[in-house]
Protein backbone atom coordinates (compact mmCIF):
# COMPACT_ATOMS: atom_id res chain seq x y z
CA MET A 1 13.58 -17.51 -8.46
CA LYS A 2 9.98 -18.61 -8.80
CA ILE A 3 7.44 -16.31 -7.22
CA ILE A 4 3.77 -16.96 -7.09
CA VAL A 5 1.50 -14.15 -6.31
CA ILE A 6 -2.21 -14.73 -5.44
CA GLY A 7 -4.47 -11.83 -6.40
CA LEU A 8 -7.52 -10.71 -4.42
CA PRO A 9 -10.66 -12.71 -5.26
CA HIS A 10 -12.98 -9.68 -5.18
CA THR A 11 -11.00 -7.53 -7.54
CA LYS A 12 -9.12 -7.80 -10.86
CA THR A 13 -5.37 -7.07 -10.92
CA LEU A 14 -5.34 -4.16 -13.30
CA ASP A 15 -2.75 -1.50 -14.30
CA PRO A 16 -3.26 1.41 -11.91
CA ARG A 17 -2.40 3.70 -14.79
CA ARG A 18 -5.73 2.73 -16.49
CA GLU A 19 -8.43 5.39 -16.17
CA ASP A 20 -11.06 2.75 -15.33
CA ALA A 21 -8.86 1.12 -12.68
CA PHE A 22 -9.86 3.53 -9.81
CA THR A 23 -7.11 3.24 -7.24
CA THR A 24 -9.46 2.58 -4.23
CA CYS A 25 -8.00 -0.78 -3.21
CA ALA A 26 -4.49 -0.52 -2.02
CA TYR A 27 -4.11 -4.30 -1.70
CA THR A 28 -4.84 -4.81 -5.38
CA THR A 29 -2.35 -2.11 -6.34
CA LYS A 30 0.22 -3.99 -4.11
CA VAL A 31 -0.40 -7.18 -6.04
CA TRP A 32 0.14 -5.28 -9.33
CA ASN A 33 3.38 -3.63 -8.13
CA LEU A 34 4.77 -6.78 -6.61
CA CYS A 35 4.33 -8.77 -9.86
CA ARG A 36 5.79 -5.96 -11.88
CA MET A 37 8.82 -5.36 -9.63
CA MET A 38 9.83 -9.06 -9.48
CA HIS A 39 9.14 -9.70 -13.13
CA GLU A 40 11.15 -6.64 -14.25
CA ARG A 41 14.05 -7.81 -11.98
CA GLY A 42 14.23 -11.01 -14.13
CA HIS A 43 12.33 -13.52 -11.92
CA GLU A 44 9.64 -16.03 -12.86
CA VAL A 45 6.42 -14.49 -11.59
CA ILE A 46 3.18 -16.46 -11.72
CA HIS A 47 -0.02 -14.54 -10.89
CA LEU A 48 -3.19 -16.43 -9.77
CA GLY A 49 -6.26 -14.31 -9.81
CA THR A 50 -9.63 -13.26 -11.25
CA GLU A 51 -10.20 -13.82 -14.98
CA GLY A 52 -9.68 -10.51 -16.76
CA SER A 53 -6.62 -9.57 -14.64
CA GLU A 54 -3.69 -8.05 -16.55
CA PRO A 55 -0.59 -8.20 -14.28
CA ILE A 56 2.95 -7.83 -15.63
CA CYS A 57 4.27 -11.35 -15.04
CA THR A 58 5.62 -14.48 -16.65
CA GLU A 59 2.25 -16.27 -16.48
CA HIS A 60 -1.25 -15.35 -15.37
CA VAL A 61 -3.58 -18.07 -14.35
CA ASP A 62 -7.37 -17.55 -14.15
CA VAL A 63 -8.57 -19.06 -10.86
CA GLY A 64 -11.57 -16.84 -10.38
CA PRO A 65 -14.13 -17.35 -13.20
CA HIS A 66 -15.26 -14.06 -14.67
CA LYS A 67 -18.97 -15.03 -14.93
CA MET A 68 -19.19 -15.83 -11.20
CA TRP A 69 -17.19 -12.69 -10.37
CA GLN A 70 -19.35 -10.49 -12.50
CA GLU A 71 -22.52 -11.77 -10.82
CA LEU A 72 -21.16 -11.00 -7.31
CA TYR A 73 -19.12 -7.86 -7.90
CA GLY A 74 -19.74 -6.50 -11.32
CA ALA A 75 -22.53 -4.12 -10.33
CA ARG A 76 -20.43 -2.37 -7.65
CA LYS A 77 -20.47 1.42 -7.93
CA ARG A 78 -17.10 3.16 -7.62
CA THR A 79 -18.32 5.17 -4.60
CA GLU A 80 -19.12 1.95 -2.68
CA PHE A 81 -16.74 0.00 -0.55
CA TYR A 82 -15.47 -3.31 -1.78
CA GLU A 83 -17.40 -6.38 -0.58
CA ILE A 84 -14.92 -8.78 1.11
CA ALA A 85 -17.26 -11.32 2.64
CA GLU A 86 -16.46 -15.03 1.89
CA ASN A 87 -19.65 -16.63 3.24
CA GLY A 88 -23.26 -16.70 2.05
CA ILE A 89 -23.63 -15.97 -1.63
CA TYR A 90 -19.84 -15.62 -1.97
CA ALA A 91 -19.05 -19.03 -0.58
CA ARG A 92 -19.23 -21.01 -3.80
CA TYR A 93 -16.98 -18.52 -5.68
CA MET A 94 -14.47 -18.58 -2.87
CA GLU A 95 -14.39 -22.39 -2.94
CA VAL A 96 -13.76 -22.41 -6.71
CA PHE A 97 -10.95 -19.75 -6.27
CA GLU A 98 -9.43 -21.73 -3.46
CA HIS A 99 -9.28 -25.09 -5.24
CA ARG A 100 -8.08 -23.69 -8.58
CA ALA A 101 -5.37 -21.65 -6.84
CA ARG A 102 -4.14 -24.64 -4.88
CA ALA A 103 -4.13 -26.89 -8.00
CA SER A 104 -2.26 -24.30 -9.93
CA ILE A 105 0.44 -23.98 -7.30
CA VAL A 106 0.89 -27.75 -6.91
CA GLU A 107 1.16 -28.16 -10.71
CA ARG A 108 3.88 -25.53 -10.99
CA CYS A 109 5.92 -26.56 -7.99
CA GLN A 110 7.32 -29.91 -8.65
CA LYS A 111 9.78 -29.75 -5.68
CA ASP A 112 9.30 -28.88 -2.06
CA TRP A 113 10.59 -25.50 -1.00
CA ASP A 114 10.96 -24.48 -4.57
CA ALA A 115 8.95 -21.22 -4.70
CA ILE A 116 7.92 -18.12 -2.86
CA VAL A 117 4.10 -17.98 -2.53
CA CYS A 118 2.90 -14.45 -1.76
CA ILE A 119 -0.39 -13.91 0.06
CA PRO A 120 -1.32 -10.28 0.16
CA TRP A 121 -4.72 -10.71 1.77
CA GLY A 122 -5.57 -13.92 3.67
CA GLY A 123 -8.80 -15.82 4.04
CA VAL A 124 -9.36 -17.87 0.92
CA GLN A 125 -5.73 -17.31 -0.12
CA PHE A 126 -4.46 -18.85 3.05
CA ARG A 127 -6.79 -21.86 2.82
CA ALA A 128 -5.44 -22.39 -0.76
CA VAL A 129 -1.90 -22.78 0.45
CA ASP A 130 -2.40 -24.39 3.92
CA GLY A 131 0.00 -27.26 4.36
CA LEU A 132 1.98 -26.84 1.16
CA SER A 133 5.75 -27.26 1.45
CA GLN A 134 6.65 -23.88 -0.04
CA TYR A 135 7.59 -20.48 1.37
CA ILE A 136 4.18 -18.97 2.26
CA VAL A 137 4.79 -15.26 2.69
CA GLU A 138 2.30 -12.68 3.87
CA SER A 139 3.68 -10.09 1.42
CA GLY A 140 2.19 -6.82 2.74
CA ILE A 141 0.60 -6.94 6.09
CA GLY A 142 -1.59 -4.00 6.95
CA TYR A 143 -4.45 -5.89 8.45
CA PRO A 144 -5.20 -7.08 12.01
CA ASN A 145 -4.86 -10.90 11.90
CA VAL A 146 -1.68 -12.71 10.76
CA PHE A 147 -0.98 -16.39 10.19
CA ALA A 148 2.23 -17.12 8.25
CA ASN A 149 5.71 -17.94 9.51
CA TYR A 150 7.17 -15.50 7.03
CA ARG A 151 5.80 -12.02 7.21
CA VAL A 152 6.40 -8.76 5.41
CA TYR A 153 4.85 -5.79 7.34
CA GLU A 154 4.16 -2.46 5.69
CA SER A 155 5.73 -0.45 8.46
CA TYR A 156 7.71 -0.86 11.77
CA ALA A 157 4.73 0.77 13.58
CA TRP A 158 2.49 -2.08 12.43
CA MET A 159 5.06 -4.84 13.03
CA HIS A 160 5.61 -3.68 16.58
CA PHE A 161 1.83 -3.35 17.11
CA HIS A 162 1.51 -7.14 16.22
CA LEU A 163 4.50 -8.16 18.28
CA GLY A 164 3.14 -6.27 21.27
CA LYS A 165 -0.30 -7.86 20.93
CA ALA A 166 1.35 -11.29 20.80
CA ASN A 167 3.52 -10.42 23.84
CA ALA A 168 6.56 -11.11 21.77
CA ALA A 169 9.82 -9.26 22.09
CA GLY A 170 10.86 -10.06 18.62
CA GLY A 171 13.49 -12.65 19.55
CA ASP A 172 13.72 -15.40 16.92
CA THR A 173 11.21 -13.82 14.47
CA TRP A 174 14.02 -13.25 12.17
CA TYR A 175 11.84 -13.59 9.01
CA HIS A 176 9.27 -10.99 10.13
CA VAL A 177 10.44 -7.99 8.16
CA VAL A 178 9.39 -4.54 7.13
CA ILE A 179 9.18 -3.59 3.45
CA PRO A 180 7.12 -0.52 2.66
CA ASN A 181 4.60 -0.28 -0.08
CA ALA A 182 5.94 0.55 -3.49
CA PHE A 183 4.85 3.37 -5.75
CA ASP A 184 5.37 4.11 -9.45
CA PRO A 185 6.99 7.58 -9.73
CA ASP A 186 5.61 7.95 -13.19
CA LEU A 187 2.06 8.00 -11.89
CA PHE A 188 2.73 11.19 -9.92
CA GLY A 189 4.25 14.56 -10.58
CA PRO A 190 5.85 16.55 -12.12
CA VAL A 191 6.18 18.93 -9.21
CA VAL A 192 4.32 22.21 -9.21
CA PRO A 193 6.20 24.99 -7.43
CA THR A 194 4.65 26.32 -4.24
CA GLY A 195 3.72 29.77 -5.74
CA GLU A 196 1.78 27.99 -8.55
CA LYS A 197 -0.26 25.62 -6.41
CA GLY A 198 -4.13 25.73 -6.31
CA ASP A 199 -5.91 27.38 -3.56
CA TYR A 200 -7.28 24.23 -1.87
CA PHE A 201 -6.46 21.54 0.57
CA LEU A 202 -7.03 17.87 -0.31
CA CYS A 203 -8.36 14.87 1.67
CA LEU A 204 -8.06 11.72 -0.45
CA CYS A 205 -9.37 8.76 1.53
CA ARG A 206 -12.29 6.60 2.51
CA ILE A 207 -14.94 9.02 3.69
CA ILE A 208 -15.26 7.77 7.24
CA GLY A 209 -14.79 9.39 10.60
CA ALA A 210 -11.66 7.31 11.44
CA LYS A 211 -9.74 8.95 8.55
CA GLY A 212 -10.04 12.38 10.20
CA VAL A 213 -12.22 13.98 7.48
CA GLN A 214 -14.11 16.12 9.88
CA LEU A 215 -10.90 17.48 11.43
CA ALA A 216 -9.53 18.37 8.02
CA CYS A 217 -12.70 20.24 7.20
CA GLN A 218 -12.55 22.12 10.45
CA VAL A 219 -9.03 23.33 9.80
CA ALA A 220 -9.75 24.38 6.22
CA ARG A 221 -12.90 26.37 7.40
CA HIS A 222 -10.99 28.03 10.18
CA LEU A 223 -8.36 29.26 7.65
CA ASP A 224 -11.09 29.98 4.98
CA VAL A 225 -9.32 27.75 2.49
CA PRO A 226 -11.47 25.39 0.20
CA ILE A 227 -11.00 21.68 0.68
CA LYS A 228 -11.70 18.76 -1.62
CA ILE A 229 -12.79 15.45 -0.21
CA VAL A 230 -12.26 12.57 -2.68
CA GLY A 231 -13.02 8.90 -2.04
CA GLN A 232 -15.51 6.14 -1.25
CA GLY A 233 -18.15 6.51 1.31
CA ASP A 234 -21.20 8.49 2.32
CA PRO A 235 -20.53 12.07 3.46
CA GLY A 236 -23.90 12.15 5.06
CA ILE A 237 -22.81 10.06 8.00
CA PHE A 238 -21.09 12.94 9.76
CA ASP A 239 -22.55 14.96 12.71
CA PRO A 240 -22.05 17.83 12.47
CA PRO A 241 -22.17 17.54 8.66
CA ILE A 242 -19.07 18.16 6.58
CA VAL A 243 -21.08 19.36 3.64
CA GLY A 244 -21.10 23.14 3.39
CA PRO A 245 -19.37 26.23 1.94
CA GLY A 246 -15.84 25.58 0.80
CA VAL A 247 -16.13 21.77 0.86
CA GLU A 248 -16.24 19.96 -2.40
CA ILE A 249 -16.97 16.16 -2.20
CA SER A 250 -16.58 13.55 -5.03
CA GLY A 251 -16.15 9.82 -5.44
CA PRO A 252 -12.89 8.14 -6.48
CA VAL A 253 -11.17 9.43 -9.54
CA GLY A 254 -8.99 8.05 -12.29
CA ALA A 255 -5.22 8.14 -12.50
CA ALA A 256 -4.99 11.37 -14.51
CA GLU A 257 -7.40 13.35 -12.26
CA ARG A 258 -5.85 11.96 -9.09
CA ARG A 259 -2.38 13.07 -10.37
CA GLU A 260 -3.59 16.61 -10.99
CA LEU A 261 -5.39 16.94 -7.68
CA LEU A 262 -2.30 15.91 -5.74
CA ARG A 263 0.06 18.05 -7.80
CA HIS A 264 -1.91 21.23 -7.35
CA ALA A 265 -3.08 20.84 -3.76
CA LYS A 266 -1.59 23.20 -1.06
CA ALA A 267 -1.41 20.16 1.18
CA LEU A 268 -2.87 16.70 1.71
CA PHE A 269 -4.65 16.10 5.02
CA SER A 270 -4.20 12.58 6.31
CA PRO A 271 -5.10 12.87 10.07
CA THR A 272 -6.04 9.19 10.53
CA ARG A 273 -7.41 8.68 14.06
CA TYR A 274 -6.14 5.11 14.48
CA VAL A 275 -2.66 3.52 14.19
CA GLU A 276 -2.29 3.65 10.41
CA PRO A 277 -0.53 0.56 9.08
CA PHE A 278 0.85 2.55 6.13
CA GLY A 279 -1.43 5.29 4.71
CA GLY A 280 -0.16 5.07 1.10
CA VAL A 281 -1.83 8.26 0.03
CA ALA A 282 0.68 10.21 2.03
CA VAL A 283 3.52 8.81 -0.07
CA GLU A 284 1.57 9.40 -3.26
CA ALA A 285 1.08 13.03 -2.23
CA MET A 286 4.81 13.50 -1.39
CA MET A 287 5.71 11.83 -4.66
CA SER A 288 3.48 14.44 -6.42
CA GLY A 289 5.23 17.29 -4.61
CA CYS A 290 2.36 17.72 -2.20
CA PRO A 291 3.21 18.25 1.52
CA VAL A 292 1.33 16.10 4.05
CA ILE A 293 -0.38 17.11 7.31
CA SER A 294 -0.92 13.97 9.38
CA THR A 295 -1.30 12.66 12.82
CA ASP A 296 1.90 11.59 14.77
CA TRP A 297 1.47 7.89 15.13
CA GLY A 298 1.45 4.76 13.07
CA ALA A 299 3.40 4.66 9.79
CA TYR A 300 3.33 8.49 9.41
CA THR A 301 6.15 8.59 11.89
CA GLU A 302 8.24 6.70 9.26
CA THR A 303 6.86 8.28 6.00
CA VAL A 304 6.23 11.97 6.87
CA GLN A 305 9.50 13.70 7.66
CA HIS A 306 8.34 16.42 10.11
CA GLY A 307 9.33 19.88 8.89
CA TYR A 308 10.69 18.57 5.66
CA THR A 309 7.90 16.77 3.78
CA GLY A 310 5.00 17.95 5.94
CA PHE A 311 3.98 18.18 9.57
CA ARG A 312 2.74 15.57 12.10
CA CYS A 313 0.33 17.01 14.60
CA HIS A 314 -1.37 16.27 17.96
CA THR A 315 -3.79 19.19 18.60
CA MET A 316 -6.16 21.36 16.59
CA ALA A 317 -3.83 24.32 17.07
CA GLU A 318 -0.95 22.29 15.63
CA PHE A 319 -3.03 21.21 12.63
CA VAL A 320 -4.07 24.82 12.06
CA GLU A 321 -0.48 26.09 12.27
CA ALA A 322 0.76 23.25 10.04
CA ALA A 323 -1.76 24.30 7.41
CA ARG A 324 -1.03 27.97 7.84
CA THR A 325 2.73 27.43 7.30
CA ILE A 326 2.67 24.63 4.82
CA ASP A 327 4.25 26.82 2.15
CA LYS A 328 7.49 26.40 4.00
CA ILE A 329 7.69 22.82 2.79
CA ASP A 330 9.63 22.43 -0.49
CA PRO A 331 7.56 20.31 -3.02
CA GLY A 332 10.74 19.16 -4.77
CA VAL A 333 12.15 17.73 -1.51
CA CYS A 334 8.83 15.94 -0.95
CA ARG A 335 9.12 14.19 -4.31
CA GLU A 336 12.81 13.35 -3.91
CA TRP A 337 12.16 11.68 -0.54
CA ALA A 338 9.18 9.65 -1.75
CA VAL A 339 10.88 8.46 -4.99
CA ALA A 340 14.16 7.54 -3.37
CA ASN A 341 12.59 5.54 -0.57
CA TYR A 342 9.29 4.26 -1.84
CA GLY A 343 9.88 3.92 -5.60
CA LEU A 344 9.59 0.58 -7.42
CA GLU A 345 13.41 0.20 -7.73
CA ARG A 346 14.18 0.49 -4.01
CA VAL A 347 11.27 -1.56 -2.76
CA GLY A 348 11.83 -4.19 -5.37
CA SER A 349 15.41 -4.75 -4.20
CA MET A 350 14.15 -5.11 -0.66
CA TYR A 351 11.74 -7.92 -1.65
CA GLU A 352 14.47 -9.56 -3.78
CA ASN A 353 16.93 -9.61 -0.87
CA TYR A 354 14.21 -11.06 1.50
CA PHE A 355 13.02 -13.75 -0.90
CA ARG A 356 16.63 -14.87 -1.54
CA SER A 357 17.20 -15.15 2.17
CA LEU A 358 14.24 -17.52 2.45
CA LEU A 359 15.31 -19.70 -0.42
CA GLU A 360 18.67 -20.34 1.42
CA LEU A 361 16.89 -22.05 4.28
CA ASN A 362 16.42 -25.37 2.50
CA VAL A 363 19.42 -25.40 0.20
CA VAL A 364 21.55 -28.62 0.67
CA GLY A 365 24.99 -27.70 1.90
CA ARG A 366 24.00 -24.33 3.20
CA GLU A 367 23.40 -23.38 6.82
CA GLY A 368 20.30 -21.36 6.18
CA TRP A 369 19.95 -18.54 8.71
CA THR A 370 23.28 -19.38 10.39
CA ALA A 371 25.38 -19.11 7.23
CA PRO A 372 28.12 -16.60 8.02
CA GLU A 373 28.91 -15.79 4.36
CA LEU A 374 26.59 -15.30 1.39
CA ASP A 375 27.74 -13.73 -1.86
CA TRP A 376 24.57 -11.53 -2.19
CA THR A 377 24.20 -10.07 1.31
CA ASP A 378 23.04 -6.48 1.09
CA LEU A 379 23.11 -4.36 4.26
CA GLY A 380 22.23 -1.39 2.20
CA CYS A 381 18.73 -2.49 1.61
CA LEU A 382 17.47 -0.96 4.83
CA LYS A 383 19.36 2.27 4.43
CA GLN A 384 17.07 5.28 3.72
CA ASP A 385 18.17 7.98 1.34
CA LEU A 386 18.21 11.26 3.34
CA SER A 387 20.43 13.17 0.98
CA MET A 388 17.56 15.60 0.00
CA PHE A 389 17.51 16.85 3.60
CA GLN A 390 21.24 17.60 3.69
CA LYS A 391 21.18 19.98 0.80
CA GLU A 392 21.48 23.73 1.58
CA GLY A 393 18.09 24.96 2.67
CA GLY A 394 16.72 21.39 2.88
């Protein structure tokens, strides 16, 4: 099948294994992984993105000129948030990106309904494909506003949040599906046994109040355990301040340092105070053999297996007890769970199954959605692997 993936205009699609490709934009990483998964499964993958991108694909097309990109985004410090505005000084660049992307799609799609066009962001990407007779797929929805007929949500929590907002019961939204974010197991681990872990907790996120950074620091201080806060943002925004004894704060780190921080941490705190669409760092932690302490809503209800790969909490007393007893969680089980259910192989098969179902809709002689028999139907694509919890002591 032909799959066109549009990269984010404000970033370059780079290998997350690179030390200079700080993994601070989950959406860029999703673009990289989607291209890689589909290309390695034997499909024609065309990536449209910023000049200088290096995706694994059949063809990369420069639609965002490097000179313009460098002038707008090149001076960004790694501790700063990405600039995602599309107006003002960014308008001209977005216009160029839009028109080049649209022309590239039209040139490569000689027939209607010939390709899957993946939009992982929106905005300029949507304007580039508006009105085209192809399968326009929002390929990883973790944001508030949606627009496409064909949607891939990051979690059931987020899909149901959207359906609830739209006052929709689900009904005929057959092609609104859930496919979780994918992660490369080789980027994380190997597992460090509990008795050999470092003496610190970890909070790896944007340094903002909504991520629960203050709460994590309060728990760590109560238990007199050091905590490392790693991410973009200004730690000076908090009142009372989080800076103090036992709290170490740094900006985003490269792949190797991130791996070591996660492997050796006693636990990752991810107590997001809003409905988290996915919270990928929790899966990264578990894939590293690091238990997770999170809130009990949003995607964590799907990713964090309470009592097996971490704890989901409601009150300060629960967070403290979870941190105090985190050694009961088996790091090996954490990694098994994350690799089996969020690794590239499993998630890639889910995307492949979904894309194939879309391409059936306009095949002459087929009944599309109503077809009672297809030779590739895979009921197993939604089945989670729970075998690691069924072992003795699991």
